[in-house]
PDB file of all heavy atoms in Angstrom:
ATOM      1  N   GLU A   1     -33.270-100.936 -50.213  1.00  0.00           N
ATOM      2  CA  GLU A   1     -33.149-102.307 -50.275  1.00  0.00           C
ATOM      3  C   GLU A   1     -31.952-102.739 -51.212  1.00  0.00           C
ATOM      4  O   GLU A   1     -31.866-102.285 -52.233  1.00  0.00           O
ATOM      5  CB  GLU A   1     -34.521-102.891 -50.827  1.00  0.00           C
ATOM      6  CG  GLU A   1     -34.590-104.497 -50.777  1.00  0.00           C
ATOM      7  CD  GLU A   1     -35.998-104.932 -51.139  1.00  0.00           C
ATOM      8  OE1 GLU A   1     -36.743-104.038 -51.250  1.00  0.00           O
ATOM      9  OE2 GLU A   1     -35.982-106.161 -51.278  1.00  0.00           O
ATOM     10  N   GLY A   2     -31.147-103.681 -50.624  1.00  0.00           N
ATOM     11  CA  GLY A   2     -30.044-104.160 -51.345  1.00  0.00           C
ATOM     12  C   GLY A   2     -28.825-103.400 -51.190  1.00  0.00           C
ATOM     13  O   GLY A   2     -27.737-103.712 -51.726  1.00  0.00           O
ATOM     14  N   LYS A   3     -28.843-102.341 -50.377  1.00  0.00           N
ATOM     15  CA  LYS A   3     -27.710-101.326 -50.156  1.00  0.00           C
ATOM     16  C   LYS A   3     -27.465-101.357 -48.652  1.00  0.00           C
ATOM     17  O   LYS A   3     -28.370-101.460 -47.908  1.00  0.00           O
ATOM     18  CB  LYS A   3     -27.889-100.077 -50.844  1.00  0.00           C
ATOM     19  CG  LYS A   3     -27.962-100.097 -52.362  1.00  0.00           C
ATOM     20  CD  LYS A   3     -28.109 -98.661 -52.888  1.00  0.00           C
ATOM     21  CE  LYS A   3     -28.115 -98.683 -54.419  1.00  0.00           C
ATOM     22  NZ  LYS A   3     -28.231 -97.325 -54.950  1.00  0.00           N
ATOM     23  N   PRO A   4     -26.144-100.978 -48.289  1.00  0.00           N
ATOM     24  CA  PRO A   4     -25.976-100.768 -46.942  1.00  0.00           C
ATOM     25  C   PRO A   4     -26.618 -99.565 -46.284  1.00  0.00           C
ATOM     26  O   PRO A   4     -26.805 -98.547 -47.097  1.00  0.00           O
ATOM     27  CB  PRO A   4     -24.447-100.637 -46.741  1.00  0.00           C
ATOM     28  CG  PRO A   4     -23.964-100.719 -48.176  1.00  0.00           C
ATOM     29  CD  PRO A   4     -24.980-100.913 -49.180  1.00  0.00           C
ATOM     30  N   ARG A   5     -26.827 -99.554 -45.079  1.00  0.00           N
ATOM     31  CA  ARG A   5     -27.517 -98.364 -44.453  1.00  0.00           C
ATOM     32  C   ARG A   5     -26.336 -97.212 -44.392  1.00  0.00           C
ATOM     33  O   ARG A   5     -25.222 -97.456 -44.192  1.00  0.00           O
ATOM     34  CB  ARG A   5     -27.861 -98.719 -42.964  1.00  0.00           C
ATOM     35  CG  ARG A   5     -28.720 -97.710 -42.386  1.00  0.00           C
ATOM     36  CD  ARG A   5     -29.415 -98.195 -40.946  1.00  0.00           C
ATOM     37  NE  ARG A   5     -29.031 -99.532 -40.613  1.00  0.00           N
ATOM     38  CZ  ARG A   5     -29.934-100.370 -40.076  1.00  0.00           C
ATOM     39  NH1 ARG A   5     -31.155-100.044 -39.940  1.00  0.00           N
ATOM     40  NH2 ARG A   5     -29.532-101.590 -39.659  1.00  0.00           N
ATOM     41  N   GLU A   6     -26.777 -95.979 -44.757  1.00  0.00           N
ATOM     42  CA  GLU A   6     -25.957 -94.843 -44.847  1.00  0.00           C
ATOM     43  C   GLU A   6     -26.320 -93.783 -43.960  1.00  0.00           C
ATOM     44  O   GLU A   6     -27.525 -93.652 -43.604  1.00  0.00           O
ATOM     45  CB  GLU A   6     -25.818 -94.311 -46.220  1.00  0.00           C
ATOM     46  CG  GLU A   6     -27.108 -93.845 -46.798  1.00  0.00           C
ATOM     47  CD  GLU A   6     -26.891 -93.129 -48.154  1.00  0.00           C
ATOM     48  OE1 GLU A   6     -25.797 -93.217 -48.667  1.00  0.00           O
ATOM     49  OE2 GLU A   6     -27.873 -92.730 -48.758  1.00  0.00           O
ATOM     50  N   LEU A   7     -25.296 -93.054 -43.399  1.00  0.00           N
ATOM     51  CA  LEU A   7     -25.691 -91.867 -42.570  1.00  0.00           C
ATOM     52  C   LEU A   7     -26.123 -90.688 -43.495  1.00  0.00           C
ATOM     53  O   LEU A   7     -25.428 -90.378 -44.457  1.00  0.00           O
ATOM     54  CB  LEU A   7     -24.333 -91.404 -41.723  1.00  0.00           C
ATOM     55  CG  LEU A   7     -24.496 -90.197 -40.914  1.00  0.00           C
ATOM     56  CD1 LEU A   7     -25.487 -90.537 -39.598  1.00  0.00           C
ATOM     57  CD2 LEU A   7     -23.157 -89.741 -40.501  1.00  0.00           C
ATOM     58  N   VAL A   8     -27.159 -90.072 -43.115  1.00  0.00           N
ATOM     59  CA  VAL A   8     -27.585 -88.963 -43.846  1.00  0.00           C
ATOM     60  C   VAL A   8     -27.323 -87.592 -43.185  1.00  0.00           C
ATOM     61  O   VAL A   8     -26.985 -86.692 -43.856  1.00  0.00           O
ATOM     62  CB  VAL A   8     -29.243 -89.161 -44.050  1.00  0.00           C
ATOM     63  CG1 VAL A   8     -29.835 -87.929 -44.748  1.00  0.00           C
ATOM     64  CG2 VAL A   8     -29.601 -90.342 -44.821  1.00  0.00           C
ATOM     65  N   ALA A   9     -27.502 -87.610 -41.970  1.00  0.00           N
ATOM     66  CA  ALA A   9     -27.311 -86.369 -41.188  1.00  0.00           C
ATOM     67  C   ALA A   9     -27.007 -86.702 -39.686  1.00  0.00           C
ATOM     68  O   ALA A   9     -27.424 -87.684 -39.246  1.00  0.00           O
ATOM     69  CB  ALA A   9     -28.584 -85.477 -41.227  1.00  0.00           C
ATOM     70  N   SER A  10     -26.315 -85.840 -39.047  1.00  0.00           N
ATOM     71  CA  SER A  10     -25.980 -85.943 -37.659  1.00  0.00           C
ATOM     72  C   SER A  10     -26.099 -84.706 -36.877  1.00  0.00           C
ATOM     73  O   SER A  10     -25.842 -83.551 -37.526  1.00  0.00           O
ATOM     74  CB  SER A  10     -24.536 -86.559 -37.461  1.00  0.00           C
ATOM     75  OG  SER A  10     -23.617 -85.709 -37.997  1.00  0.00           O
ATOM     76  N   VAL A  11     -26.276 -84.710 -35.701  1.00  0.00           N
ATOM     77  CA  VAL A  11     -26.375 -83.541 -34.693  1.00  0.00           C
ATOM     78  C   VAL A  11     -25.690 -83.835 -33.463  1.00  0.00           C
ATOM     79  O   VAL A  11     -25.976 -84.884 -32.826  1.00  0.00           O
ATOM     80  CB  VAL A  11     -27.863 -83.088 -34.662  1.00  0.00           C
ATOM     81  CG1 VAL A  11     -28.700 -84.111 -33.958  1.00  0.00           C
ATOM     82  CG2 VAL A  11     -27.946 -81.891 -33.709  1.00  0.00           C
ATOM     83  N   THR A  12     -24.660 -82.984 -33.072  1.00  0.00           N
ATOM     84  CA  THR A  12     -23.943 -83.265 -31.965  1.00  0.00           C
ATOM     85  C   THR A  12     -24.654 -82.750 -30.692  1.00  0.00           C
ATOM     86  O   THR A  12     -25.780 -82.247 -30.775  1.00  0.00           O
ATOM     87  CB  THR A  12     -22.609 -82.350 -32.030  1.00  0.00           C
ATOM     88  OG1 THR A  12     -22.880 -81.080 -31.889  1.00  0.00           O
ATOM     89  CG2 THR A  12     -21.854 -82.800 -33.138  1.00  0.00           C
ATOM     90  N   THR A  13     -24.138 -82.911 -29.512  1.00  0.00           N
ATOM     91  CA  THR A  13     -24.763 -82.633 -28.263  1.00  0.00           C
ATOM     92  C   THR A  13     -25.018 -81.077 -28.101  1.00  0.00           C
ATOM     93  O   THR A  13     -25.942 -80.655 -27.418  1.00  0.00           O
ATOM     94  CB  THR A  13     -23.937 -83.108 -27.109  1.00  0.00           C
ATOM     95  OG1 THR A  13     -22.601 -82.479 -27.181  1.00  0.00           O
ATOM     96  CG2 THR A  13     -23.835 -84.585 -26.944  1.00  0.00           C
ATOM     97  N   ASP A  14     -24.151 -80.228 -28.871  1.00  0.00           N
ATOM     98  CA  ASP A  14     -24.385 -78.870 -28.830  1.00  0.00           C
ATOM     99  C   ASP A  14     -25.024 -78.239 -30.193  1.00  0.00           C
ATOM    100  O   ASP A  14     -25.001 -77.097 -30.512  1.00  0.00           O
ATOM    101  CB  ASP A  14     -23.080 -78.134 -28.552  1.00  0.00           C
ATOM    102  CG  ASP A  14     -22.044 -78.337 -29.562  1.00  0.00           C
ATOM    103  OD1 ASP A  14     -22.248 -79.069 -30.398  1.00  0.00           O
ATOM    104  OD2 ASP A  14     -20.907 -77.703 -29.472  1.00  0.00           O
ATOM    105  N   SER A  15     -25.724 -79.300 -30.788  1.00  0.00           N
ATOM    106  CA  SER A  15     -26.572 -79.005 -31.932  1.00  0.00           C
ATOM    107  C   SER A  15     -25.802 -78.631 -33.204  1.00  0.00           C
ATOM    108  O   SER A  15     -26.355 -78.064 -34.114  1.00  0.00           O
ATOM    109  CB  SER A  15     -27.616 -78.043 -31.684  1.00  0.00           C
ATOM    110  OG  SER A  15     -28.599 -78.554 -30.733  1.00  0.00           O
ATOM    111  N   ALA A  16     -24.490 -78.865 -33.223  1.00  0.00           N
ATOM    112  CA  ALA A  16     -23.798 -78.716 -34.505  1.00  0.00           C
ATOM    113  C   ALA A  16     -24.242 -79.793 -35.468  1.00  0.00           C
ATOM    114  O   ALA A  16     -24.419 -80.936 -35.105  1.00  0.00           O
ATOM    115  CB  ALA A  16     -22.272 -78.887 -34.289  1.00  0.00           C
ATOM    116  N   THR A  17     -24.463 -79.436 -36.790  1.00  0.00           N
ATOM    117  CA  THR A  17     -25.069 -80.502 -37.706  1.00  0.00           C
ATOM    118  C   THR A  17     -24.101 -80.685 -38.810  1.00  0.00           C
ATOM    119  O   THR A  17     -23.351 -79.839 -39.304  1.00  0.00           O
ATOM    120  CB  THR A  17     -26.501 -80.075 -38.246  1.00  0.00           C
ATOM    121  OG1 THR A  17     -26.260 -78.682 -38.880  1.00  0.00           O
ATOM    122  CG2 THR A  17     -27.394 -79.751 -36.886  1.00  0.00           C
ATOM    123  N   ARG A  18     -24.258 -81.872 -39.331  1.00  0.00           N
ATOM    124  CA  ARG A  18     -23.683 -82.240 -40.674  1.00  0.00           C
ATOM    125  C   ARG A  18     -24.584 -83.050 -41.394  1.00  0.00           C
ATOM    126  O   ARG A  18     -25.448 -83.879 -41.067  1.00  0.00           O
ATOM    127  CB  ARG A  18     -22.384 -82.991 -40.540  1.00  0.00           C
ATOM    128  CG  ARG A  18     -21.212 -82.277 -39.693  1.00  0.00           C
ATOM    129  CD  ARG A  18     -20.018 -83.109 -39.640  1.00  0.00           C
ATOM    130  NE  ARG A  18     -19.339 -83.256 -40.959  1.00  0.00           N
ATOM    131  CZ  ARG A  18     -18.218 -83.927 -41.215  1.00  0.00           C
ATOM    132  NH1 ARG A  18     -17.514 -84.468 -40.182  1.00  0.00           N
ATOM    133  NH2 ARG A  18     -17.711 -83.881 -42.394  1.00  0.00           N
ATOM    134  N   VAL A  19     -24.637 -82.797 -42.815  1.00  0.00           N
ATOM    135  CA  VAL A  19     -25.525 -83.592 -43.719  1.00  0.00           C
ATOM    136  C   VAL A  19     -24.746 -84.186 -44.849  1.00  0.00           C
ATOM    137  O   VAL A  19     -23.637 -83.634 -45.264  1.00  0.00           O
ATOM    138  CB  VAL A  19     -26.796 -82.858 -44.166  1.00  0.00           C
ATOM    139  CG1 VAL A  19     -27.614 -82.370 -43.052  1.00  0.00           C
ATOM    140  CG2 VAL A  19     -26.290 -81.613 -45.000  1.00  0.00           C
ATOM    141  N   LYS A  20     -25.218 -85.355 -45.384  1.00  0.00           N
ATOM    142  CA  LYS A  20     -24.638 -85.874 -46.508  1.00  0.00           C
ATOM    143  C   LYS A  20     -24.617 -84.793 -47.775  1.00  0.00           C
ATOM    144  O   LYS A  20     -25.621 -84.183 -47.858  1.00  0.00           O
ATOM    145  CB  LYS A  20     -25.370 -87.105 -46.910  1.00  0.00           C
ATOM    146  CG  LYS A  20     -24.877 -88.044 -48.043  1.00  0.00           C
ATOM    147  CD  LYS A  20     -25.792 -89.188 -48.188  1.00  0.00           C
ATOM    148  CE  LYS A  20     -25.562 -89.971 -49.468  1.00  0.00           C
ATOM    149  NZ  LYS A  20     -24.259 -90.528 -49.474  1.00  0.00           N
ATOM    150  N   ASP A  21     -23.573 -84.877 -48.562  1.00  0.00           N
ATOM    151  CA  ASP A  21     -23.564 -83.985 -49.656  1.00  0.00           C
ATOM    152  C   ASP A  21     -24.743 -83.931 -50.569  1.00  0.00           C
ATOM    153  O   ASP A  21     -25.260 -82.944 -50.895  1.00  0.00           O
ATOM    154  CB  ASP A  21     -22.323 -84.195 -50.619  1.00  0.00           C
ATOM    155  CG  ASP A  21     -21.093 -83.740 -49.902  1.00  0.00           C
ATOM    156  OD1 ASP A  21     -21.205 -82.871 -48.923  1.00  0.00           O
ATOM    157  OD2 ASP A  21     -19.953 -83.968 -50.464  1.00  0.00           O
ATOM    158  N   SER A  22     -25.314 -85.137 -50.767  1.00  0.00           N
ATOM    159  CA  SER A  22     -26.423 -85.275 -51.777  1.00  0.00           C
ATOM    160  C   SER A  22     -27.741 -84.617 -51.105  1.00  0.00           C
ATOM    161  O   SER A  22     -28.721 -84.407 -51.957  1.00  0.00           O
ATOM    162  CB  SER A  22     -26.764 -86.652 -52.169  1.00  0.00           C
ATOM    163  OG  SER A  22     -27.041 -87.430 -50.977  1.00  0.00           O
ATOM    164  N   VAL A  23     -27.872 -84.289 -49.957  1.00  0.00           N
ATOM    165  CA  VAL A  23     -28.952 -83.738 -49.282  1.00  0.00           C
ATOM    166  C   VAL A  23     -28.697 -82.374 -48.742  1.00  0.00           C
ATOM    167  O   VAL A  23     -29.648 -81.718 -48.144  1.00  0.00           O
ATOM    168  CB  VAL A  23     -29.566 -84.640 -48.103  1.00  0.00           C
ATOM    169  CG1 VAL A  23     -29.716 -86.093 -48.779  1.00  0.00           C
ATOM    170  CG2 VAL A  23     -28.735 -84.641 -46.920  1.00  0.00           C
ATOM    171  N   LYS A  24     -27.596 -81.791 -48.940  1.00  0.00           N
ATOM    172  CA  LYS A  24     -27.260 -80.437 -48.500  1.00  0.00           C
ATOM    173  C   LYS A  24     -28.261 -79.487 -49.102  1.00  0.00           C
ATOM    174  O   LYS A  24     -28.617 -79.501 -50.195  1.00  0.00           O
ATOM    175  CB  LYS A  24     -25.826 -80.057 -48.770  1.00  0.00           C
ATOM    176  CG  LYS A  24     -24.854 -80.585 -47.737  1.00  0.00           C
ATOM    177  CD  LYS A  24     -23.456 -80.035 -48.063  1.00  0.00           C
ATOM    178  CE  LYS A  24     -22.502 -80.492 -47.074  1.00  0.00           C
ATOM    179  NZ  LYS A  24     -20.993 -80.146 -47.477  1.00  0.00           N
ATOM    180  N   GLY A  25     -28.832 -78.552 -48.233  1.00  0.00           N
ATOM    181  CA  GLY A  25     -29.720 -77.495 -48.683  1.00  0.00           C
ATOM    182  C   GLY A  25     -31.112 -78.036 -48.710  1.00  0.00           C
ATOM    183  O   GLY A  25     -32.071 -77.297 -48.855  1.00  0.00           O
ATOM    184  N   ARG A  26     -31.324 -79.463 -48.436  1.00  0.00           N
ATOM    185  CA  ARG A  26     -32.662 -79.983 -48.517  1.00  0.00           C
ATOM    186  C   ARG A  26     -33.162 -80.595 -47.242  1.00  0.00           C
ATOM    187  O   ARG A  26     -34.223 -80.595 -46.817  1.00  0.00           O
ATOM    188  CB  ARG A  26     -32.720 -81.031 -49.652  1.00  0.00           C
ATOM    189  CG  ARG A  26     -32.406 -80.530 -51.092  1.00  0.00           C
ATOM    190  CD  ARG A  26     -32.726 -81.423 -52.166  1.00  0.00           C
ATOM    191  NE  ARG A  26     -31.968 -82.619 -52.006  1.00  0.00           N
ATOM    192  CZ  ARG A  26     -32.582 -83.891 -51.795  1.00  0.00           C
ATOM    193  NH1 ARG A  26     -33.848 -84.029 -51.685  1.00  0.00           N
ATOM    194  NH2 ARG A  26     -31.798 -84.955 -51.764  1.00  0.00           N
ATOM    195  N   PHE A  27     -32.207 -81.193 -46.445  1.00  0.00           N
ATOM    196  CA  PHE A  27     -32.344 -81.795 -45.235  1.00  0.00           C
ATOM    197  C   PHE A  27     -31.781 -81.028 -44.121  1.00  0.00           C
ATOM    198  O   PHE A  27     -30.574 -80.559 -44.241  1.00  0.00           O
ATOM    199  CB  PHE A  27     -31.804 -83.223 -45.214  1.00  0.00           C
ATOM    200  CG  PHE A  27     -32.454 -84.260 -46.085  1.00  0.00           C
ATOM    201  CD1 PHE A  27     -33.357 -83.951 -47.062  1.00  0.00           C
ATOM    202  CD2 PHE A  27     -32.178 -85.653 -45.986  1.00  0.00           C
ATOM    203  CE1 PHE A  27     -33.994 -84.848 -47.914  1.00  0.00           C
ATOM    204  CE2 PHE A  27     -32.793 -86.573 -46.752  1.00  0.00           C
ATOM    205  CZ  PHE A  27     -33.678 -86.141 -47.698  1.00  0.00           C
ATOM    206  N   THR A  28     -32.629 -81.010 -43.030  1.00  0.00           N
ATOM    207  CA  THR A  28     -32.061 -80.231 -41.778  1.00  0.00           C
ATOM    208  C   THR A  28     -32.382 -81.166 -40.536  1.00  0.00           C
ATOM    209  O   THR A  28     -33.553 -81.632 -40.403  1.00  0.00           O
ATOM    210  CB  THR A  28     -32.885 -78.942 -41.627  1.00  0.00           C
ATOM    211  OG1 THR A  28     -32.698 -78.139 -42.695  1.00  0.00           O
ATOM    212  CG2 THR A  28     -32.247 -78.240 -40.484  1.00  0.00           C
ATOM    213  N   VAL A  29     -31.291 -81.386 -39.765  1.00  0.00           N
ATOM    214  CA  VAL A  29     -31.448 -82.229 -38.646  1.00  0.00           C
ATOM    215  C   VAL A  29     -31.510 -81.380 -37.439  1.00  0.00           C
ATOM    216  O   VAL A  29     -30.761 -80.252 -37.344  1.00  0.00           O
ATOM    217  CB  VAL A  29     -30.381 -83.335 -38.458  1.00  0.00           C
ATOM    218  CG1 VAL A  29     -28.934 -82.665 -38.638  1.00  0.00           C
ATOM    219  CG2 VAL A  29     -30.559 -84.249 -37.386  1.00  0.00           C
ATOM    220  N   SER A  30     -32.397 -81.747 -36.452  1.00  0.00           N
ATOM    221  CA  SER A  30     -32.372 -80.995 -35.120  1.00  0.00           C
ATOM    222  C   SER A  30     -32.721 -81.930 -33.984  1.00  0.00           C
ATOM    223  O   SER A  30     -33.141 -82.978 -34.310  1.00  0.00           O
ATOM    224  CB  SER A  30     -33.416 -79.809 -35.243  1.00  0.00           C
ATOM    225  OG  SER A  30     -34.732 -80.368 -35.509  1.00  0.00           O
ATOM    226  N   ARG A  31     -32.577 -81.461 -32.759  1.00  0.00           N
ATOM    227  CA  ARG A  31     -32.866 -82.266 -31.611  1.00  0.00           C
ATOM    228  C   ARG A  31     -33.537 -81.279 -30.604  1.00  0.00           C
ATOM    229  O   ARG A  31     -33.320 -80.143 -30.601  1.00  0.00           O
ATOM    230  CB  ARG A  31     -31.655 -82.805 -31.090  1.00  0.00           C
ATOM    231  CG  ARG A  31     -30.630 -81.781 -30.586  1.00  0.00           C
ATOM    232  CD  ARG A  31     -29.319 -82.447 -30.214  1.00  0.00           C
ATOM    233  NE  ARG A  31     -29.367 -83.667 -29.279  1.00  0.00           N
ATOM    234  CZ  ARG A  31     -28.493 -84.551 -29.213  1.00  0.00           C
ATOM    235  NH1 ARG A  31     -27.392 -84.629 -29.985  1.00  0.00           N
ATOM    236  NH2 ARG A  31     -28.514 -85.404 -28.302  1.00  0.00           N
ATOM    237  N   ASP A  32     -34.249 -82.051 -29.704  1.00  0.00           N
ATOM    238  CA  ASP A  32     -34.851 -81.456 -28.500  1.00  0.00           C
ATOM    239  C   ASP A  32     -34.600 -82.267 -27.333  1.00  0.00           C
ATOM    240  O   ASP A  32     -35.377 -83.328 -27.129  1.00  0.00           O
ATOM    241  CB  ASP A  32     -36.460 -81.250 -28.755  1.00  0.00           C
ATOM    242  CG  ASP A  32     -37.070 -80.470 -27.592  1.00  0.00           C
ATOM    243  OD1 ASP A  32     -36.537 -80.576 -26.505  1.00  0.00           O
ATOM    244  OD2 ASP A  32     -38.171 -79.926 -27.804  1.00  0.00           O
ATOM    245  N   ASN A  33     -33.592 -81.977 -26.647  1.00  0.00           N
ATOM    246  CA  ASN A  33     -33.250 -82.958 -25.618  1.00  0.00           C
ATOM    247  C   ASN A  33     -34.217 -83.008 -24.426  1.00  0.00           C
ATOM    248  O   ASN A  33     -34.404 -84.016 -23.707  1.00  0.00           O
ATOM    249  CB  ASN A  33     -31.839 -82.446 -24.985  1.00  0.00           C
ATOM    250  CG  ASN A  33     -30.676 -82.738 -25.983  1.00  0.00           C
ATOM    251  OD1 ASN A  33     -30.673 -83.582 -26.810  1.00  0.00           O
ATOM    252  ND2 ASN A  33     -29.617 -81.830 -25.663  1.00  0.00           N
ATOM    253  N   ASP A  34     -35.029 -81.906 -24.302  1.00  0.00           N
ATOM    254  CA  ASP A  34     -35.960 -81.992 -23.256  1.00  0.00           C
ATOM    255  C   ASP A  34     -37.131 -82.967 -23.452  1.00  0.00           C
ATOM    256  O   ASP A  34     -37.617 -83.657 -22.564  1.00  0.00           O
ATOM    257  CB  ASP A  34     -36.691 -80.546 -23.047  1.00  0.00           C
ATOM    258  CG  ASP A  34     -35.651 -79.563 -22.463  1.00  0.00           C
ATOM    259  OD1 ASP A  34     -34.681 -79.881 -21.742  1.00  0.00           O
ATOM    260  OD2 ASP A  34     -35.905 -78.259 -22.613  1.00  0.00           O
ATOM    261  N   LYS A  35     -37.410 -83.103 -24.776  1.00  0.00           N
ATOM    262  CA  LYS A  35     -38.329 -84.141 -25.252  1.00  0.00           C
ATOM    263  C   LYS A  35     -37.782 -85.493 -25.599  1.00  0.00           C
ATOM    264  O   LYS A  35     -38.543 -86.295 -25.968  1.00  0.00           O
ATOM    265  CB  LYS A  35     -39.135 -83.562 -26.379  1.00  0.00           C
ATOM    266  CG  LYS A  35     -40.004 -82.232 -26.013  1.00  0.00           C
ATOM    267  CD  LYS A  35     -40.722 -81.861 -27.258  1.00  0.00           C
ATOM    268  CE  LYS A  35     -41.581 -80.627 -26.869  1.00  0.00           C
ATOM    269  NZ  LYS A  35     -42.453 -80.099 -28.075  1.00  0.00           N
ATOM    270  N   ASN A  36     -36.479 -85.600 -25.497  1.00  0.00           N
ATOM    271  CA  ASN A  36     -35.833 -86.727 -26.062  1.00  0.00           C
ATOM    272  C   ASN A  36     -36.137 -87.141 -27.359  1.00  0.00           C
ATOM    273  O   ASN A  36     -36.409 -88.301 -27.824  1.00  0.00           O
ATOM    274  CB  ASN A  36     -35.951 -87.935 -25.083  1.00  0.00           C
ATOM    275  CG  ASN A  36     -34.867 -88.502 -24.552  1.00  0.00           C
ATOM    276  OD1 ASN A  36     -33.732 -87.984 -24.425  1.00  0.00           O
ATOM    277  ND2 ASN A  36     -34.944 -89.812 -24.137  1.00  0.00           N
TER     278      ASN A  36
END
C-alpha cells in the first residue's frame, strides 16, 4: 500500500526464470502451460 507495483519474478515461454534480488534463494517461479 502506498507504493508502486513491482515485478518479483518472471518465467519465459521456455521456463527460464528471473527473480528480484531481495527474494533470490527464497522465491521460485514456475509454470504449467497444459494447465494454464
